Amino acid sequence: MGQETVGKKEKEKKKAKDRQEKAQRKEERKANNNKGKSLEDMLAYVDEDGNLSSTPPDPRKRKEINIEDIQLGAAKQVTEVREVIRKGVVTFFNDAKGYGFINDLQSQESVFVHINQLSEPIKERDKVTFEVEMGPKGLSAIKVKKGS
C-alpha cells in the first residue's frame, strides 16, 4: 500500500524543483534590493540633448530659452490672400442652421459661409461677391453680398 506510482514521483520532483526555483528567485530579489540606496544613486539627469544621464549636466552648456518662443498647440496656417474680392455661386445654404458653401468661380474651391457674414439673405444658385479669411477649419467667406 505504500507504493508510489510513476506519476506521483514525477509530480513530487516537479514540486521540489518549483520550490527550489522560487527560493532562488527570492534570494536574487534580496541581493538586488533597491531599498537603502542613497539619493544620489536614485537621481537621473537630463543632458543638453534631452537624454537621461547619471551625471549632472555641465552648467556651461546651458541654453537660455525665451518664454515667448514656446508655442503651445498646433501652428497656425498662414496663407496669402491675393485677390481681395472674389466672385462665386452659392452651392448650398441652410437657413435653419445658418451656414452654407460658396463655389469660387475662379479657383473652383468650396468656401464655407456663416449667416453672420451675410449683408443680405442668400439662397442656393445666387451669384455673390465675397472676401476670404482663414478660419479654424479652412477658408471662410466674409463680407458676402449678392451681385455678379
N, C-alpha and C. Protein backbone atom coordinates (compact mmCIF):
# COMPACT_ATOMS: atom_id res chain seq x y z
N MET A 1 0.81 -1.19 0.00
CA MET A 1 0.00 0.00 0.00
C MET A 1 0.86 1.26 0.00
N GLY A 2 2.08 1.19 0.33
CA GLY A 2 2.99 2.31 0.37
C GLY A 2 3.64 2.55 -0.97
N GLN A 3 3.12 1.92 -1.99
CA GLN A 3 3.75 2.07 -3.31
C GLN A 3 3.38 3.42 -3.93
N GLU A 4 4.38 3.99 -4.62
CA GLU A 4 4.14 5.24 -5.32
C GLU A 4 4.16 4.97 -6.81
N THR A 5 3.27 5.59 -7.50
CA THR A 5 3.23 5.42 -8.95
C THR A 5 4.23 6.37 -9.59
N VAL A 6 4.50 6.11 -10.85
CA VAL A 6 5.46 6.94 -11.59
C VAL A 6 4.96 8.38 -11.67
N GLY A 7 3.66 8.56 -11.87
CA GLY A 7 3.08 9.91 -11.96
C GLY A 7 3.26 10.70 -10.68
N LYS A 8 3.08 10.01 -9.51
CA LYS A 8 3.24 10.70 -8.23
C LYS A 8 4.68 11.14 -8.02
N LYS A 9 5.64 10.27 -8.40
CA LYS A 9 7.05 10.63 -8.23
C LYS A 9 7.41 11.84 -9.09
N GLU A 10 6.90 11.86 -10.32
CA GLU A 10 7.20 12.99 -11.20
C GLU A 10 6.60 14.29 -10.66
N LYS A 11 5.38 14.21 -10.11
CA LYS A 11 4.75 15.39 -9.54
C LYS A 11 5.54 15.91 -8.35
N GLU A 12 6.02 14.99 -7.51
CA GLU A 12 6.80 15.40 -6.35
C GLU A 12 8.12 16.03 -6.78
N LYS A 13 8.76 15.45 -7.80
CA LYS A 13 10.01 16.02 -8.31
C LYS A 13 9.76 17.43 -8.85
N LYS A 14 8.65 17.61 -9.57
CA LYS A 14 8.33 18.91 -10.16
C LYS A 14 8.07 19.93 -9.05
N LYS A 15 7.33 19.54 -8.00
CA LYS A 15 7.05 20.44 -6.89
C LYS A 15 8.34 20.84 -6.18
N ALA A 16 9.25 19.88 -5.97
CA ALA A 16 10.52 20.17 -5.31
C ALA A 16 11.34 21.15 -6.16
N LYS A 17 11.34 20.93 -7.47
CA LYS A 17 12.08 21.80 -8.39
C LYS A 17 11.49 23.22 -8.36
N ASP A 18 10.16 23.33 -8.37
CA ASP A 18 9.49 24.63 -8.32
C ASP A 18 9.82 25.36 -7.02
N ARG A 19 9.82 24.64 -5.88
CA ARG A 19 10.16 25.25 -4.59
C ARG A 19 11.60 25.78 -4.61
N GLN A 20 12.49 24.99 -5.21
CA GLN A 20 13.90 25.38 -5.27
C GLN A 20 14.06 26.64 -6.15
N GLU A 21 13.37 26.69 -7.30
CA GLU A 21 13.45 27.86 -8.18
C GLU A 21 12.86 29.09 -7.49
N LYS A 22 11.78 28.91 -6.75
CA LYS A 22 11.16 30.02 -6.04
C LYS A 22 12.11 30.58 -4.98
N ALA A 23 12.77 29.68 -4.24
CA ALA A 23 13.74 30.11 -3.22
C ALA A 23 14.91 30.85 -3.88
N GLN A 24 15.33 30.38 -5.05
CA GLN A 24 16.44 31.01 -5.76
C GLN A 24 16.04 32.42 -6.22
N ARG A 25 14.81 32.58 -6.74
CA ARG A 25 14.34 33.91 -7.16
C ARG A 25 14.25 34.85 -5.96
N LYS A 26 13.83 34.31 -4.81
CA LYS A 26 13.73 35.11 -3.59
C LYS A 26 15.11 35.63 -3.19
N GLU A 27 16.13 34.77 -3.26
CA GLU A 27 17.49 35.17 -2.92
C GLU A 27 18.00 36.24 -3.88
N GLU A 28 17.68 36.10 -5.18
CA GLU A 28 18.10 37.10 -6.17
C GLU A 28 17.46 38.45 -5.88
N ARG A 29 16.18 38.45 -5.50
CA ARG A 29 15.49 39.70 -5.17
C ARG A 29 16.14 40.36 -3.96
N LYS A 30 16.51 39.56 -2.97
CA LYS A 30 17.16 40.11 -1.78
C LYS A 30 18.51 40.71 -2.14
N ALA A 31 19.23 40.06 -3.03
CA ALA A 31 20.56 40.53 -3.40
C ALA A 31 20.46 41.82 -4.22
N ASN A 32 19.42 41.95 -5.03
CA ASN A 32 19.27 43.12 -5.89
C ASN A 32 18.29 44.14 -5.32
N ASN A 33 18.08 44.13 -4.04
CA ASN A 33 17.10 45.00 -3.40
C ASN A 33 17.54 46.46 -3.55
N ASN A 34 16.61 47.32 -3.98
CA ASN A 34 16.93 48.73 -4.18
C ASN A 34 16.70 49.56 -2.92
N LYS A 35 16.13 48.98 -1.89
CA LYS A 35 15.90 49.74 -0.67
C LYS A 35 17.24 50.05 -0.02
N GLY A 36 17.30 51.23 0.53
CA GLY A 36 18.52 51.61 1.21
C GLY A 36 19.52 52.32 0.32
N LYS A 37 19.19 52.56 -0.96
CA LYS A 37 20.10 53.29 -1.82
C LYS A 37 20.07 54.76 -1.43
N SER A 38 21.16 55.44 -1.68
CA SER A 38 21.22 56.86 -1.35
C SER A 38 20.48 57.66 -2.43
N LEU A 39 20.21 58.91 -2.12
CA LEU A 39 19.51 59.79 -3.05
C LEU A 39 20.31 59.96 -4.34
N GLU A 40 21.61 60.09 -4.22
CA GLU A 40 22.47 60.25 -5.40
C GLU A 40 22.37 59.04 -6.34
N ASP A 41 22.23 57.84 -5.77
CA ASP A 41 22.13 56.64 -6.60
C ASP A 41 20.80 56.58 -7.36
N MET A 42 19.78 57.24 -6.82
CA MET A 42 18.46 57.18 -7.44
C MET A 42 18.19 58.32 -8.41
N LEU A 43 19.03 59.37 -8.41
CA LEU A 43 18.79 60.53 -9.27
C LEU A 43 19.17 60.24 -10.71
N ALA A 44 18.41 60.83 -11.62
CA ALA A 44 18.72 60.79 -13.05
C ALA A 44 18.69 62.22 -13.56
N TYR A 45 19.57 62.56 -14.47
CA TYR A 45 19.68 63.90 -15.01
C TYR A 45 19.33 63.85 -16.50
N VAL A 46 18.98 65.02 -17.02
CA VAL A 46 18.71 65.16 -18.45
C VAL A 46 19.83 66.01 -19.03
N ASP A 47 20.53 65.51 -20.06
CA ASP A 47 21.62 66.27 -20.65
C ASP A 47 21.08 67.29 -21.66
N GLU A 48 21.98 68.03 -22.31
CA GLU A 48 21.57 69.10 -23.23
C GLU A 48 20.82 68.59 -24.46
N ASP A 49 20.93 67.30 -24.76
CA ASP A 49 20.23 66.72 -25.90
C ASP A 49 18.90 66.09 -25.49
N GLY A 50 18.55 66.14 -24.21
CA GLY A 50 17.29 65.58 -23.74
C GLY A 50 17.37 64.11 -23.37
N ASN A 51 18.58 63.54 -23.28
CA ASN A 51 18.75 62.13 -22.92
C ASN A 51 19.00 61.99 -21.42
N LEU A 52 18.55 60.87 -20.84
CA LEU A 52 18.80 60.63 -19.42
C LEU A 52 20.26 60.28 -19.20
N SER A 53 20.80 60.76 -18.10
CA SER A 53 22.21 60.57 -17.80
C SER A 53 22.37 60.41 -16.29
N SER A 54 23.43 59.74 -15.86
CA SER A 54 23.68 59.59 -14.43
C SER A 54 24.57 60.71 -13.90
N THR A 55 25.11 61.54 -14.79
CA THR A 55 25.98 62.65 -14.36
C THR A 55 25.23 63.97 -14.52
N PRO A 56 25.46 64.91 -13.62
CA PRO A 56 24.78 66.22 -13.73
C PRO A 56 25.23 66.95 -15.00
N PRO A 57 24.35 67.76 -15.59
CA PRO A 57 24.72 68.48 -16.82
C PRO A 57 25.75 69.57 -16.53
N ASP A 58 26.52 69.91 -17.54
CA ASP A 58 27.53 70.95 -17.42
C ASP A 58 26.84 72.31 -17.48
N PRO A 59 26.97 73.15 -16.46
CA PRO A 59 26.27 74.45 -16.47
C PRO A 59 26.76 75.38 -17.58
N ARG A 60 27.95 75.15 -18.13
CA ARG A 60 28.45 76.00 -19.21
C ARG A 60 27.71 75.74 -20.52
N LYS A 61 27.09 74.57 -20.67
CA LYS A 61 26.36 74.24 -21.89
C LYS A 61 24.88 74.60 -21.80
N ARG A 62 24.51 75.31 -20.75
CA ARG A 62 23.12 75.67 -20.53
C ARG A 62 22.64 76.64 -21.61
N LYS A 63 21.42 76.44 -22.11
CA LYS A 63 20.85 77.30 -23.14
C LYS A 63 19.70 78.08 -22.52
N GLU A 64 19.65 79.37 -22.82
CA GLU A 64 18.55 80.22 -22.35
C GLU A 64 17.42 80.12 -23.37
N ILE A 65 16.19 79.97 -22.86
CA ILE A 65 15.02 79.86 -23.73
C ILE A 65 14.10 81.01 -23.41
N ASN A 66 13.68 81.72 -24.46
CA ASN A 66 12.76 82.83 -24.30
C ASN A 66 11.34 82.28 -24.20
N ILE A 67 10.60 82.70 -23.21
CA ILE A 67 9.25 82.17 -22.98
C ILE A 67 8.34 82.45 -24.17
N GLU A 68 8.52 83.59 -24.82
CA GLU A 68 7.67 83.94 -25.97
C GLU A 68 7.90 83.01 -27.16
N ASP A 69 9.05 82.33 -27.22
CA ASP A 69 9.35 81.43 -28.34
C ASP A 69 8.66 80.08 -28.20
N ILE A 70 8.13 79.77 -27.04
CA ILE A 70 7.48 78.49 -26.81
C ILE A 70 6.08 78.54 -27.39
N GLN A 71 5.76 77.60 -28.27
CA GLN A 71 4.45 77.57 -28.91
C GLN A 71 3.63 76.43 -28.34
N LEU A 72 2.44 76.74 -27.88
CA LEU A 72 1.53 75.73 -27.37
C LEU A 72 0.47 75.46 -28.42
N GLY A 73 0.19 74.20 -28.68
CA GLY A 73 -0.84 73.84 -29.65
C GLY A 73 -0.28 73.75 -31.05
N ALA A 74 -1.17 73.59 -32.00
CA ALA A 74 -0.78 73.43 -33.40
C ALA A 74 -0.42 74.80 -33.99
N ALA A 75 0.48 74.78 -34.95
CA ALA A 75 0.90 76.01 -35.60
C ALA A 75 -0.24 76.55 -36.45
N LYS A 76 -0.40 77.87 -36.43
CA LYS A 76 -1.43 78.49 -37.26
C LYS A 76 -0.94 78.51 -38.70
N GLN A 77 -1.86 78.22 -39.60
CA GLN A 77 -1.52 78.22 -41.02
C GLN A 77 -1.59 79.64 -41.55
N VAL A 78 -0.56 80.04 -42.23
CA VAL A 78 -0.52 81.38 -42.80
C VAL A 78 -0.63 81.23 -44.31
N THR A 79 -1.65 81.87 -44.87
CA THR A 79 -1.83 81.81 -46.32
C THR A 79 -1.99 83.23 -46.84
N GLU A 80 -1.52 83.43 -48.04
CA GLU A 80 -1.66 84.73 -48.67
C GLU A 80 -3.01 84.81 -49.37
N VAL A 81 -3.63 85.96 -49.26
CA VAL A 81 -4.86 86.20 -49.99
C VAL A 81 -4.51 87.19 -51.09
N ARG A 82 -4.46 86.71 -52.33
CA ARG A 82 -4.04 87.53 -53.46
C ARG A 82 -5.16 88.49 -53.88
N GLU A 83 -6.33 87.94 -54.13
CA GLU A 83 -7.43 88.76 -54.59
C GLU A 83 -8.26 89.17 -53.39
N VAL A 84 -8.64 90.42 -53.36
CA VAL A 84 -9.40 90.91 -52.22
C VAL A 84 -10.86 90.50 -52.37
N ILE A 85 -11.47 90.76 -53.49
CA ILE A 85 -12.88 90.43 -53.69
C ILE A 85 -12.98 89.29 -54.70
N ARG A 86 -13.72 88.26 -54.31
CA ARG A 86 -13.92 87.11 -55.18
C ARG A 86 -15.38 87.02 -55.60
N LYS A 87 -15.61 86.27 -56.66
CA LYS A 87 -16.98 86.04 -57.14
C LYS A 87 -17.26 84.55 -57.04
N GLY A 88 -18.53 84.22 -56.75
CA GLY A 88 -18.87 82.82 -56.64
C GLY A 88 -20.36 82.59 -56.71
N VAL A 89 -20.73 81.30 -56.63
CA VAL A 89 -22.13 80.89 -56.67
C VAL A 89 -22.41 80.08 -55.42
N VAL A 90 -23.54 80.36 -54.76
CA VAL A 90 -23.92 79.63 -53.57
C VAL A 90 -24.35 78.22 -53.99
N THR A 91 -23.64 77.20 -53.53
CA THR A 91 -23.98 75.81 -53.89
C THR A 91 -24.89 75.17 -52.86
N PHE A 92 -24.83 75.66 -51.62
CA PHE A 92 -25.67 75.11 -50.55
C PHE A 92 -25.81 76.17 -49.48
N PHE A 93 -27.04 76.33 -48.96
CA PHE A 93 -27.22 77.20 -47.80
C PHE A 93 -28.41 76.71 -47.01
N ASN A 94 -28.22 76.52 -45.71
CA ASN A 94 -29.27 76.05 -44.81
C ASN A 94 -29.64 77.21 -43.89
N ASP A 95 -30.84 77.79 -44.12
CA ASP A 95 -31.28 78.93 -43.30
C ASP A 95 -31.46 78.53 -41.84
N ALA A 96 -31.97 77.32 -41.60
CA ALA A 96 -32.25 76.89 -40.23
C ALA A 96 -30.97 76.77 -39.41
N LYS A 97 -29.91 76.26 -40.03
CA LYS A 97 -28.64 76.09 -39.30
C LYS A 97 -27.72 77.29 -39.46
N GLY A 98 -27.95 78.10 -40.47
CA GLY A 98 -27.20 79.35 -40.61
C GLY A 98 -25.84 79.22 -41.25
N TYR A 99 -25.64 78.24 -42.12
CA TYR A 99 -24.36 78.14 -42.81
C TYR A 99 -24.57 77.56 -44.21
N GLY A 100 -23.53 77.66 -45.01
CA GLY A 100 -23.58 77.12 -46.37
C GLY A 100 -22.21 77.14 -47.00
N PHE A 101 -22.21 76.94 -48.34
CA PHE A 101 -20.95 76.90 -49.07
C PHE A 101 -21.09 77.68 -50.37
N ILE A 102 -20.01 78.36 -50.73
CA ILE A 102 -19.95 79.12 -51.98
C ILE A 102 -18.86 78.50 -52.83
N ASN A 103 -19.17 78.29 -54.12
CA ASN A 103 -18.18 77.78 -55.07
C ASN A 103 -17.49 78.98 -55.70
N ASP A 104 -16.19 79.14 -55.44
CA ASP A 104 -15.42 80.24 -56.01
C ASP A 104 -15.30 80.01 -57.51
N LEU A 105 -15.71 81.01 -58.33
CA LEU A 105 -15.72 80.83 -59.78
C LEU A 105 -14.33 80.75 -60.38
N GLN A 106 -13.36 81.43 -59.79
CA GLN A 106 -12.02 81.41 -60.37
C GLN A 106 -11.24 80.15 -59.99
N SER A 107 -11.22 79.81 -58.71
CA SER A 107 -10.40 78.67 -58.27
C SER A 107 -11.20 77.38 -58.14
N GLN A 108 -12.52 77.45 -58.25
CA GLN A 108 -13.41 76.29 -58.11
C GLN A 108 -13.33 75.66 -56.73
N GLU A 109 -12.88 76.43 -55.72
CA GLU A 109 -12.83 75.94 -54.35
C GLU A 109 -14.19 76.14 -53.69
N SER A 110 -14.51 75.26 -52.75
CA SER A 110 -15.72 75.41 -51.96
C SER A 110 -15.34 76.15 -50.68
N VAL A 111 -16.01 77.29 -50.44
CA VAL A 111 -15.68 78.15 -49.32
C VAL A 111 -16.86 78.18 -48.35
N PHE A 112 -16.60 77.97 -47.07
CA PHE A 112 -17.62 77.97 -46.02
C PHE A 112 -18.13 79.39 -45.81
N VAL A 113 -19.43 79.54 -45.58
CA VAL A 113 -20.00 80.85 -45.26
C VAL A 113 -20.97 80.69 -44.09
N HIS A 114 -20.90 81.63 -43.14
CA HIS A 114 -21.79 81.63 -41.98
C HIS A 114 -22.78 82.78 -42.12
N ILE A 115 -23.97 82.61 -41.57
CA ILE A 115 -25.04 83.61 -41.71
C ILE A 115 -24.63 84.97 -41.14
N ASN A 116 -23.72 84.99 -40.16
CA ASN A 116 -23.27 86.26 -39.58
C ASN A 116 -22.44 87.09 -40.56
N GLN A 117 -21.92 86.48 -41.61
CA GLN A 117 -21.09 87.19 -42.58
C GLN A 117 -21.88 87.70 -43.78
N LEU A 118 -23.20 87.58 -43.75
CA LEU A 118 -24.04 88.00 -44.87
C LEU A 118 -24.53 89.43 -44.66
N SER A 119 -24.53 90.22 -45.74
CA SER A 119 -25.10 91.57 -45.66
C SER A 119 -26.59 91.53 -46.00
N GLU A 120 -27.02 90.49 -46.74
CA GLU A 120 -28.42 90.28 -47.09
C GLU A 120 -28.66 88.78 -47.24
N PRO A 121 -29.92 88.34 -47.11
CA PRO A 121 -30.20 86.90 -47.22
C PRO A 121 -29.81 86.34 -48.59
N ILE A 122 -29.30 85.10 -48.59
CA ILE A 122 -28.94 84.43 -49.85
C ILE A 122 -29.61 83.08 -49.90
N LYS A 123 -29.67 82.52 -51.11
CA LYS A 123 -30.20 81.17 -51.28
C LYS A 123 -29.34 80.47 -52.32
N GLU A 124 -29.58 79.19 -52.53
CA GLU A 124 -28.79 78.41 -53.48
C GLU A 124 -28.91 79.00 -54.88
N ARG A 125 -27.80 78.92 -55.63
CA ARG A 125 -27.65 79.38 -57.01
C ARG A 125 -27.60 80.91 -57.14
N ASP A 126 -27.50 81.64 -56.01
CA ASP A 126 -27.30 83.09 -56.07
C ASP A 126 -25.84 83.37 -56.42
N LYS A 127 -25.62 84.41 -57.25
CA LYS A 127 -24.26 84.86 -57.52
C LYS A 127 -23.91 85.88 -56.45
N VAL A 128 -22.71 85.73 -55.88
CA VAL A 128 -22.30 86.58 -54.78
C VAL A 128 -20.87 87.05 -54.97
N THR A 129 -20.54 88.15 -54.28
CA THR A 129 -19.14 88.60 -54.16
C THR A 129 -18.78 88.48 -52.69
N PHE A 130 -17.51 88.15 -52.42
CA PHE A 130 -17.09 87.92 -51.04
C PHE A 130 -15.60 88.05 -50.90
N GLU A 131 -15.16 88.14 -49.68
CA GLU A 131 -13.74 88.09 -49.35
C GLU A 131 -13.51 86.82 -48.54
N VAL A 132 -12.28 86.38 -48.44
CA VAL A 132 -12.00 85.16 -47.69
C VAL A 132 -11.02 85.44 -46.57
N GLU A 133 -11.14 84.64 -45.51
CA GLU A 133 -10.17 84.63 -44.43
C GLU A 133 -9.97 83.18 -44.02
N MET A 134 -8.83 82.90 -43.39
CA MET A 134 -8.55 81.54 -42.95
C MET A 134 -9.23 81.31 -41.61
N GLY A 135 -10.16 80.37 -41.58
CA GLY A 135 -10.84 80.01 -40.35
C GLY A 135 -10.14 78.83 -39.70
N PRO A 136 -10.69 78.31 -38.59
CA PRO A 136 -10.05 77.19 -37.90
C PRO A 136 -10.03 75.91 -38.72
N LYS A 137 -10.96 75.76 -39.68
CA LYS A 137 -11.01 74.52 -40.47
C LYS A 137 -10.78 74.76 -41.95
N GLY A 138 -10.35 75.94 -42.33
CA GLY A 138 -10.11 76.22 -43.74
C GLY A 138 -10.62 77.61 -44.10
N LEU A 139 -10.82 77.84 -45.40
CA LEU A 139 -11.26 79.15 -45.87
C LEU A 139 -12.69 79.42 -45.45
N SER A 140 -12.95 80.68 -45.06
CA SER A 140 -14.30 81.13 -44.71
C SER A 140 -14.58 82.40 -45.48
N ALA A 141 -15.80 82.52 -45.98
CA ALA A 141 -16.20 83.73 -46.71
C ALA A 141 -16.66 84.78 -45.71
N ILE A 142 -16.24 86.03 -45.98
CA ILE A 142 -16.67 87.14 -45.14
C ILE A 142 -17.17 88.25 -46.07
N LYS A 143 -17.96 89.18 -45.53
CA LYS A 143 -18.49 90.32 -46.29
C LYS A 143 -19.18 89.85 -47.57
N VAL A 144 -20.10 88.90 -47.43
CA VAL A 144 -20.79 88.29 -48.58
C VAL A 144 -21.94 89.21 -49.01
N LYS A 145 -21.97 89.53 -50.33
CA LYS A 145 -23.02 90.38 -50.89
C LYS A 145 -23.56 89.72 -52.15
N LYS A 146 -24.85 89.91 -52.42
CA LYS A 146 -25.43 89.44 -53.67
C LYS A 146 -24.93 90.33 -54.79
N GLY A 147 -24.77 89.76 -55.95
CA GLY A 147 -24.34 90.55 -57.10
C GLY A 147 -23.57 89.68 -58.06
N SER A 148 -23.21 90.26 -59.19
CA SER A 148 -22.47 89.48 -60.21
C SER A 148 -21.07 89.87 -60.28
